[in-house]
């Protein structure tokens, strides 16, 4: 039996890889929109998403497709002009600015931190401090103790709070106090304040407005979306290439060290075999957000501040607000549930009545984890497998068997075309 390799997208009706990304004006507030109906998104499912966001303490939510706004919603007294903190999602902004600083020849991330801010910035012995490179700060592998003694906290940048634990590069630990030193690493060689750096190198180029206050970034939701859109287009805003170093960008958005596969240069990565959570020295199995496309990467902040970037679907998703589930960590159970709602936005018309016992096809097992068998006496001319976003998924099919062992968990739709051009669709679950 001929194998079918699926390489195109359906349901949404467009090939996202070939789409031209739209960029809003940098001089005014206009921003083009895409109708959800044009993407075959159901109004009642959008309402369900908004209801979920509201009960989960959300203040703003934006979903971009190809750079254009599909969904934009503000809750309570919050509006498009309201300003909110990014929390640790601002780390991802710093990860980007470090690449620009290196591009300008101001820093080399492989050099020791003390080369840019002077020696004695930690309480570690000098020989141990000198092991800490800029890259170690970008990858959370400084070796400094993320749980310093009181009255210090993990956010403190004072010398007395930055204590040696292990040699740099031998351990991954989420340490905000060590990360914040990157702002000085960048601003001191630039001869500007960190706000000036951010404005001159980034904000003025993409029409973004924000402010660093006590080393935390604040902005409106649309400013957050502008940054996400820039990252979706790999550091290029329209015709303005802000980050020319494609190697740095690739390294920033891919696994950066051996300990936490789901961490780049201050960006969280989905689709990896394992991940680690802040504050816990435990390697967990599975992707960061199982319901999210595996190529998603994200800036994640305390109390569920979110910048999701999904290259495969040309999507950027922004969420600002208070903690959804009472968890203050950057990563929470909210991420996976939110993407479950996003995945279900597409209206799927099966074209068949699943209860019709006269249907000439049956699929087993369902749910499945490795192989799906097709029971039929009808000649099959074509077979397609699409995910919950309506995207066609590459799959191996032979001898009435579908290999699903490499697929992410979730629900999918099998569409079979017979020799008489009749179509039959069934929902299946991969677990």
Protein backbone atom coordinates (compact mmCIF):
# COMPACT_ATOMS: atom_id res chain seq x y z
CA UNK A 1 0.00 0.00 0.00
CA UNK A 2 1.29 3.42 -0.91
CA UNK A 3 2.47 5.62 1.97
CA UNK A 4 0.98 9.08 2.23
CA UNK A 5 3.12 11.84 3.64
CA UNK A 6 1.04 14.81 4.60
CA UNK A 7 2.79 18.12 4.04
CA UNK A 8 0.03 20.73 3.79
CA UNK A 9 -2.49 22.35 6.09
CA UNK A 10 -6.26 22.07 5.98
CA UNK A 11 -9.28 23.53 7.81
CA UNK A 12 -7.71 26.96 8.25
CA UNK A 13 -7.34 26.82 4.51
CA UNK A 14 -3.90 28.39 4.18
CA UNK A 15 -0.28 27.37 4.23
CA UNK A 16 1.10 29.34 7.18
CA UNK A 17 4.69 28.90 6.07
CA UNK A 18 4.05 30.90 2.90
CA UNK A 19 2.09 33.71 4.52
CA UNK A 20 3.44 37.24 4.56
CA UNK A 21 3.47 38.57 8.09
CA UNK A 22 1.69 41.86 8.65
CA UNK A 23 3.27 44.53 10.84
CA UNK A 24 1.19 47.33 12.41
CA UNK A 25 2.25 50.92 11.97
CA UNK A 26 4.93 52.22 14.33
CA UNK A 27 3.46 55.73 14.26
CA UNK A 28 -0.20 55.19 15.18
CA UNK A 29 -2.53 52.71 16.87
CA UNK A 30 -4.00 51.06 13.78
CA UNK A 31 -3.71 47.30 13.67
CA UNK A 32 -5.33 45.11 11.01
CA UNK A 33 -7.63 42.32 12.09
CA UNK A 34 -8.64 38.89 10.80
CA UNK A 35 -12.21 37.73 11.28
CA UNK A 36 -12.39 34.60 13.44
CA UNK A 37 -15.09 33.33 11.10
CA UNK A 38 -12.62 33.43 8.19
CA UNK A 39 -10.50 30.93 10.12
CA UNK A 40 -13.56 28.75 10.76
CA UNK A 41 -13.52 29.58 14.48
CA UNK A 42 -16.80 29.09 16.31
CA UNK A 43 -18.30 32.07 18.12
CA UNK A 44 -19.56 29.93 21.00
CA UNK A 45 -16.06 28.49 21.49
CA UNK A 46 -14.58 31.97 21.54
CA UNK A 47 -17.13 32.86 24.21
CA UNK A 48 -16.10 29.77 26.21
CA UNK A 49 -12.46 30.85 25.97
CA UNK A 50 -13.32 34.35 27.17
CA UNK A 51 -15.40 32.98 30.05
CA UNK A 52 -12.48 30.80 31.10
CA UNK A 53 -10.06 33.71 30.91
CA UNK A 54 -12.35 35.87 32.98
CA UNK A 55 -12.76 33.40 35.83
CA UNK A 56 -8.99 32.89 35.78
CA UNK A 57 -8.24 36.52 36.71
CA UNK A 58 -7.18 37.63 33.23
CA UNK A 59 -6.85 41.34 32.48
CA UNK A 60 -5.93 41.22 28.78
CA UNK A 61 -5.77 38.61 26.04
CA UNK A 62 -4.57 38.99 22.45
CA UNK A 63 -4.19 36.37 19.73
CA UNK A 64 -2.36 37.30 16.53
CA UNK A 65 -2.43 35.27 13.32
CA UNK A 66 0.06 36.27 10.60
CA UNK A 67 0.59 39.47 12.59
CA UNK A 68 -3.06 40.51 12.53
CA UNK A 69 -5.39 40.55 15.52
CA UNK A 70 -7.92 37.74 15.58
CA UNK A 71 -8.92 37.99 19.24
CA UNK A 72 -8.46 40.93 21.64
CA UNK A 73 -10.29 41.07 24.94
CA UNK A 74 -9.99 43.15 28.11
CA UNK A 75 -11.66 42.25 31.38
CA UNK A 76 -13.10 44.29 34.23
CA UNK A 77 -11.74 47.84 34.37
CA UNK A 78 -8.68 46.90 32.34
CA UNK A 79 -8.46 48.39 28.82
CA UNK A 80 -6.06 48.52 25.87
CA UNK A 81 -4.49 51.61 27.50
CA UNK A 82 -3.85 49.88 30.85
CA UNK A 83 -0.26 49.10 31.84
CA UNK A 84 0.78 45.84 33.52
CA UNK A 85 4.05 44.25 34.57
CA UNK A 86 5.66 41.49 32.52
CA UNK A 87 7.33 39.89 35.54
CA UNK A 88 9.75 37.21 34.32
CA UNK A 89 8.43 37.41 30.77
CA UNK A 90 10.72 40.45 30.70
CA UNK A 91 13.65 38.05 30.96
CA UNK A 92 12.94 37.03 27.38
CA UNK A 93 13.16 40.67 26.33
CA UNK A 94 16.59 40.84 27.98
CA UNK A 95 17.59 37.65 26.20
CA UNK A 96 16.86 39.41 22.92
CA UNK A 97 18.68 42.62 23.89
CA UNK A 98 21.77 40.62 24.86
CA UNK A 99 21.88 39.38 21.28
CA UNK A 100 21.68 42.94 19.96
CA UNK A 101 24.47 44.01 22.36
CA UNK A 102 26.69 41.20 21.06
CA UNK A 103 25.81 42.12 17.48
CA UNK A 104 26.98 45.67 18.17
CA UNK A 105 30.29 44.34 19.49
CA UNK A 106 29.64 45.60 23.02
CA UNK A 107 29.70 42.17 24.67
CA UNK A 108 30.62 38.58 23.94
CA UNK A 109 28.35 36.18 25.79
CA UNK A 110 31.22 33.74 26.19
CA UNK A 111 33.20 36.27 28.25
CA UNK A 112 33.04 36.43 32.04
CA UNK A 113 30.47 38.75 33.58
CA UNK A 114 33.09 40.66 35.58
CA UNK A 115 34.67 41.86 32.34
CA UNK A 116 31.65 44.17 31.92
CA UNK A 117 30.57 45.05 35.47
CA UNK A 118 33.80 44.60 37.44
CA UNK A 119 34.96 41.98 39.91
CA UNK A 120 33.33 41.39 43.28
CA UNK A 121 29.72 41.40 42.09
CA UNK A 122 29.14 38.15 44.02
CA UNK A 123 30.22 36.74 47.38
CA UNK A 124 31.87 33.82 45.60
CA UNK A 125 35.63 33.35 45.71
CA UNK A 126 37.16 35.35 42.85
CA UNK A 127 38.26 32.22 40.99
CA UNK A 128 34.70 30.88 41.11
CA UNK A 129 33.13 34.24 40.17
CA UNK A 130 35.39 34.41 37.14
CA UNK A 131 33.90 31.14 35.89
CA UNK A 132 30.52 32.84 35.42
CA UNK A 133 30.03 33.99 31.84
CA UNK A 134 27.28 36.11 30.31
CA UNK A 135 25.99 32.92 28.71
CA UNK A 136 25.67 31.34 32.16
CA UNK A 137 23.32 34.16 33.17
CA UNK A 138 21.34 33.74 29.94
CA UNK A 139 20.93 30.01 30.54
CA UNK A 140 20.40 30.00 34.33
CA UNK A 141 23.61 28.05 34.93
CA UNK A 142 25.54 30.59 37.04
CA UNK A 143 26.12 28.13 39.88
CA UNK A 144 25.00 30.78 42.39
CA UNK A 145 22.62 29.74 45.15
CA UNK A 146 19.03 30.55 44.14
CA UNK A 147 17.96 30.16 47.81
CA UNK A 148 20.23 32.56 49.70
CA UNK A 149 19.84 32.99 53.48
CA UNK A 150 17.45 35.57 54.91
CA UNK A 151 16.93 38.45 54.60
CA UNK A 152 17.92 37.84 50.96
CA UNK A 153 15.49 36.52 48.36
CA UNK A 154 16.17 34.89 45.00
CA UNK A 155 15.39 38.26 43.35
CA UNK A 156 18.07 40.18 45.24
CA UNK A 157 21.09 41.41 43.30
CA UNK A 158 23.19 42.53 46.29
CA UNK A 159 26.64 40.98 46.55
CA UNK A 160 25.78 39.41 49.90
CA UNK A 161 22.83 37.62 48.28
CA UNK A 162 24.77 36.13 45.35
CA UNK A 163 26.52 33.19 46.95
CA UNK A 164 28.57 30.41 45.42
CA UNK A 165 26.95 26.96 45.39
CA UNK A 166 28.57 25.03 42.52
CA UNK A 167 30.80 25.87 39.59
CA UNK A 168 29.14 27.74 36.76
CA UNK A 169 27.83 25.51 34.00
CA UNK A 170 27.30 22.44 36.17
CA UNK A 171 23.70 22.99 37.30
CA UNK A 172 20.47 24.64 36.07
CA UNK A 173 18.55 26.71 38.61
CA UNK A 174 16.09 29.55 38.02
CA UNK A 175 17.71 32.56 39.68
CA UNK A 176 16.22 36.01 39.08
CA UNK A 177 18.84 37.86 41.13
CA UNK A 178 21.67 36.53 38.97
CA UNK A 179 19.66 37.19 35.78
CA UNK A 180 19.17 40.86 36.67
CA UNK A 181 22.93 41.42 36.43
CA UNK A 182 22.49 41.09 32.67
CA UNK A 183 20.89 44.52 32.58
CA UNK A 184 24.16 46.04 33.82
CA UNK A 185 26.18 43.78 31.53
CA UNK A 186 24.31 45.33 28.60
CA UNK A 187 23.83 48.93 29.75
CA UNK A 188 27.33 49.66 31.09
CA UNK A 189 29.18 48.91 27.81
CA UNK A 190 26.40 50.75 25.93
CA UNK A 191 26.90 53.87 28.09
CA UNK A 192 23.15 54.23 28.56
CA UNK A 193 20.50 53.37 31.12
CA UNK A 194 18.69 50.12 30.49
CA UNK A 195 15.52 52.04 29.60
CA UNK A 196 17.51 54.00 26.99
CA UNK A 197 18.97 50.78 25.62
CA UNK A 198 15.51 49.26 25.30
CA UNK A 199 14.13 52.36 23.61
CA UNK A 200 17.01 52.95 21.20
CA UNK A 201 17.57 49.35 20.19
CA UNK A 202 14.01 48.01 20.24
CA UNK A 203 11.02 50.13 21.18
CA UNK A 204 11.60 52.96 18.67
CA UNK A 205 11.95 50.41 15.85
CA UNK A 206 8.67 48.56 16.40
CA UNK A 207 6.36 51.20 17.88
CA UNK A 208 6.56 49.66 21.35
CA UNK A 209 6.26 51.65 24.56
CA UNK A 210 7.24 50.39 27.97
CA UNK A 211 9.34 51.10 31.03
CA UNK A 212 11.75 49.20 33.25
CA UNK A 213 11.02 49.97 36.92
CA UNK A 214 13.10 48.27 39.59
CA UNK A 215 14.35 45.95 36.84
CA UNK A 216 10.83 44.77 35.90
CA UNK A 217 9.26 45.74 32.57
CA UNK A 218 5.79 47.33 32.31
CA UNK A 219 3.71 47.93 29.19
CA UNK A 220 0.30 47.71 27.57
CA UNK A 221 -0.86 44.38 26.14
CA UNK A 222 -0.39 45.52 22.53
CA UNK A 223 3.24 46.43 23.27
CA UNK A 224 3.73 42.89 24.52
CA UNK A 225 2.13 41.65 21.30
CA UNK A 226 4.49 43.80 19.19
CA UNK A 227 7.47 42.17 20.86
CA UNK A 228 6.00 38.70 20.31
CA UNK A 229 5.45 39.53 16.64
CA UNK A 230 9.06 40.67 16.28
CA UNK A 231 10.22 37.36 17.75
CA UNK A 232 7.85 35.39 15.50
CA UNK A 233 9.65 36.99 12.54
CA UNK A 234 13.08 36.14 14.02
CA UNK A 235 14.06 39.64 15.05
CA UNK A 236 12.96 41.40 11.86
CA UNK A 237 10.27 44.09 11.94
CA UNK A 238 8.91 44.49 8.44
CA UNK A 239 12.10 45.50 6.54
CA UNK A 240 14.05 46.50 9.66
CA UNK A 241 16.38 43.72 10.81
CA UNK A 242 16.89 44.48 14.50
CA UNK A 243 18.72 41.26 15.36
CA UNK A 244 20.92 40.33 12.43
CA UNK A 245 22.69 37.49 14.22
CA UNK A 246 20.62 34.49 13.09
CA UNK A 247 22.90 32.08 14.94
CA UNK A 248 22.23 33.87 18.23
CA UNK A 249 18.48 33.85 17.57
CA UNK A 250 18.55 30.12 16.85
CA UNK A 251 20.52 29.44 20.02
CA UNK A 252 18.21 31.71 22.03
CA UNK A 253 15.14 29.70 21.03
CA UNK A 254 16.64 26.21 21.32
CA UNK A 255 17.96 24.08 24.19
CA UNK A 256 20.90 25.98 25.67
CA UNK A 257 22.37 23.48 28.15
CA UNK A 258 22.09 19.81 29.07
CA UNK A 259 20.12 20.09 32.32
CA UNK A 260 16.82 21.72 31.32
CA UNK A 261 16.02 20.77 27.73
CA UNK A 262 13.10 23.22 27.74
CA UNK A 263 15.16 26.37 28.32
CA UNK A 264 17.01 28.56 25.83
CA UNK A 265 18.45 32.02 26.44
CA UNK A 266 15.78 33.18 28.92
CA UNK A 267 13.04 31.64 26.73
CA UNK A 268 10.96 28.58 27.63
CA UNK A 269 10.72 25.89 24.94
CA UNK A 270 7.91 23.44 24.23
CA UNK A 271 8.13 20.06 22.55
CA UNK A 272 11.21 18.83 24.39
CA UNK A 273 11.41 15.40 26.08
CA UNK A 274 11.99 16.82 29.57
CA UNK A 275 11.77 20.06 31.52
CA UNK A 276 12.53 21.57 34.91
CA UNK A 277 10.41 23.94 36.98
CA UNK A 278 11.73 26.99 38.86
CA UNK A 279 12.66 26.25 42.46
CA UNK A 280 12.78 22.47 42.07
CA UNK A 281 15.82 20.38 41.20
CA UNK A 282 13.73 17.74 39.49
CA UNK A 283 13.69 16.76 35.81
CA UNK A 284 10.13 16.06 34.64
CA UNK A 285 9.24 13.94 31.62
CA UNK A 286 7.25 15.29 28.70
CA UNK A 287 6.78 18.61 26.93
CA UNK A 288 6.31 21.85 28.80
CA UNK A 289 2.73 22.42 27.54
CA UNK A 290 1.35 19.18 26.02
CA UNK A 291 -1.69 20.87 24.46
CA UNK A 292 0.45 23.44 22.67
CA UNK A 293 2.19 22.96 19.30
CA UNK A 294 5.64 21.46 19.93
CA UNK A 295 7.51 24.33 18.25
CA UNK A 296 6.04 26.93 20.62
CA UNK A 297 8.46 28.94 22.74
CA UNK A 298 7.45 31.45 25.37
CA UNK A 299 8.27 34.27 27.70
CA UNK A 300 6.64 33.32 30.99
CA UNK A 301 6.21 35.51 34.04
CA UNK A 302 4.97 35.27 37.61
CA UNK A 303 1.20 35.26 38.03
CA UNK A 304 0.71 33.98 34.48
CA UNK A 305 2.11 36.73 32.30
CA UNK A 306 2.44 35.02 28.91
CA UNK A 307 4.07 35.60 25.53
CA UNK A 308 3.54 32.48 23.41
CA UNK A 309 5.19 32.38 19.96
CA UNK A 310 4.16 29.56 17.58
CA UNK A 311 6.06 29.58 14.25
CA UNK A 312 4.16 26.60 12.75
CA UNK A 313 0.86 28.49 12.90
CA UNK A 314 2.22 32.07 12.72
CA UNK A 315 0.54 32.79 16.03
CA UNK A 316 1.40 35.04 18.95
CA UNK A 317 -0.70 34.79 22.11
CA UNK A 318 -0.54 37.34 24.93
CA UNK A 319 -2.03 37.10 28.41
CA UNK A 320 -1.71 39.59 31.27
CA UNK A 321 -3.39 39.40 34.65
CA UNK A 322 -3.28 37.95 38.13
CA UNK A 323 -2.48 34.35 38.97
CA UNK A 324 -4.96 32.01 37.33
CA UNK A 325 -4.70 29.17 39.85
CA UNK A 326 -2.97 30.73 42.83
CA UNK A 327 0.44 29.65 41.55
CA UNK A 328 3.10 32.37 41.33
CA UNK A 329 5.62 30.40 39.25
CA UNK A 330 6.13 31.42 35.62
CA UNK A 331 4.83 28.01 34.50
CA UNK A 332 1.48 26.76 35.82
CA UNK A 333 -1.36 24.39 34.98
CA UNK A 334 -3.09 27.36 33.38
CA UNK A 335 -0.83 27.12 30.30
CA UNK A 336 -2.05 23.68 29.28
CA UNK A 337 -5.73 24.39 29.97
CA UNK A 338 -5.59 27.67 28.07
CA UNK A 339 -4.21 25.91 25.02
CA UNK A 340 -6.95 23.32 25.25
CA UNK A 341 -9.45 26.14 24.78
CA UNK A 342 -7.42 27.64 21.92
CA UNK A 343 -7.18 24.26 20.19
CA UNK A 344 -10.95 23.90 20.26
CA UNK A 345 -11.65 27.24 18.55
CA UNK A 346 -11.83 25.59 15.12
CA UNK A 347 -15.28 24.45 14.08
CA UNK A 348 -14.80 20.90 12.78
CA UNK A 349 -17.42 19.49 10.47
CA UNK A 350 -16.98 15.77 10.28
CA UNK A 351 -19.28 15.27 7.31
CA UNK A 352 -20.57 12.04 8.85
CA UNK A 353 -22.76 10.94 11.66
CA UNK A 354 -20.45 9.12 14.05
CA UNK A 355 -23.39 7.10 15.31
CA UNK A 356 -24.24 5.81 11.85
CA UNK A 357 -23.64 2.08 12.09
CA UNK A 358 -23.76 1.78 8.28
CA UNK A 359 -20.50 3.65 8.02
CA UNK A 360 -17.96 1.52 6.09
CA UNK A 361 -15.01 2.29 8.37
CA UNK A 362 -14.03 1.62 11.97
CA UNK A 363 -10.83 2.56 13.78
CA UNK A 364 -9.22 0.79 16.71
CA UNK A 365 -7.89 1.19 19.30
CA UNK A 366 -9.30 4.60 20.12
CA UNK A 367 -7.68 6.09 22.20
CA UNK A 368 -4.38 4.89 20.74
CA UNK A 369 -0.74 5.42 21.53
CA UNK A 370 1.23 3.64 18.78
CA UNK A 371 -0.87 2.28 15.91
CA UNK A 372 -4.41 2.82 14.66
CA UNK A 373 -5.97 0.01 12.63
CA UNK A 374 -8.59 0.65 9.96
CA UNK A 375 -11.28 -1.97 9.48
CA UNK A 376 -12.92 -1.66 6.06
CA UNK A 377 -13.70 -3.45 2.81
CA UNK A 378 -13.92 -0.20 0.86
CA UNK A 379 -10.93 0.85 -1.31
CA UNK A 380 -9.14 3.87 0.19
CA UNK A 381 -7.86 6.46 -2.29
CA UNK A 382 -6.45 8.96 0.23
CA UNK A 383 -6.07 9.39 3.97
CA UNK A 384 -5.50 12.58 5.93
CA UNK A 385 -4.84 13.14 9.63
CA UNK A 386 -5.39 16.64 11.02
CA UNK A 387 -4.87 18.00 14.51
CA UNK A 388 -7.28 20.02 16.60
CA UNK A 389 -6.11 23.26 14.94
CA UNK A 390 -7.10 21.86 11.56
CA UNK A 391 -3.49 21.36 10.45
CA UNK A 392 -2.62 18.29 8.44
CA UNK A 393 -0.06 16.11 10.22
CA UNK A 394 2.65 14.07 8.53
CA UNK A 395 1.92 10.42 9.11
CA UNK A 396 3.00 6.98 7.89
CA UNK A 397 0.11 4.90 6.55
CA UNK A 398 0.38 1.42 5.09
CA UNK A 399 -1.68 -1.79 5.06
CA UNK A 400 -4.61 -0.15 6.80
CA UNK A 401 -2.41 0.87 9.71
CA UNK A 402 -1.49 4.41 10.81
CA UNK A 403 1.68 4.94 12.84
CA UNK A 404 0.86 7.56 15.51
CA UNK A 405 3.75 6.79 17.87
CA UNK A 406 5.46 10.13 17.20
CA UNK A 407 2.39 12.33 17.61
CA UNK A 408 1.76 14.66 20.54
CA UNK A 409 -1.03 13.67 22.92
CA UNK A 410 -4.42 15.14 22.05
CA UNK A 411 -7.34 14.60 19.70
CA UNK A 412 -7.10 14.36 15.92
CA UNK A 413 -9.38 13.81 12.94
CA UNK A 414 -8.91 11.06 10.34
CA UNK A 415 -10.44 11.82 6.93
CA UNK A 416 -10.64 9.01 4.39
CA UNK A 417 -11.45 9.49 0.72
CA UNK A 418 -12.76 6.38 -1.06
CA UNK A 419 -12.31 5.40 -4.68
CA UNK A 420 -15.73 6.95 -5.38
CA UNK A 421 -14.60 10.29 -3.82
CA UNK A 422 -16.79 9.86 -0.75
CA UNK A 423 -15.28 11.35 2.43
CA UNK A 424 -15.56 9.99 5.96
CA UNK A 425 -14.11 11.68 9.07
CA UNK A 426 -13.66 10.30 12.56
CA UNK A 427 -12.28 11.82 15.76
CA UNK A 428 -9.50 9.82 17.43
CA UNK A 429 -7.51 10.39 20.61
CA UNK A 430 -3.77 9.89 21.08
CA UNK A 431 -2.71 9.21 24.65
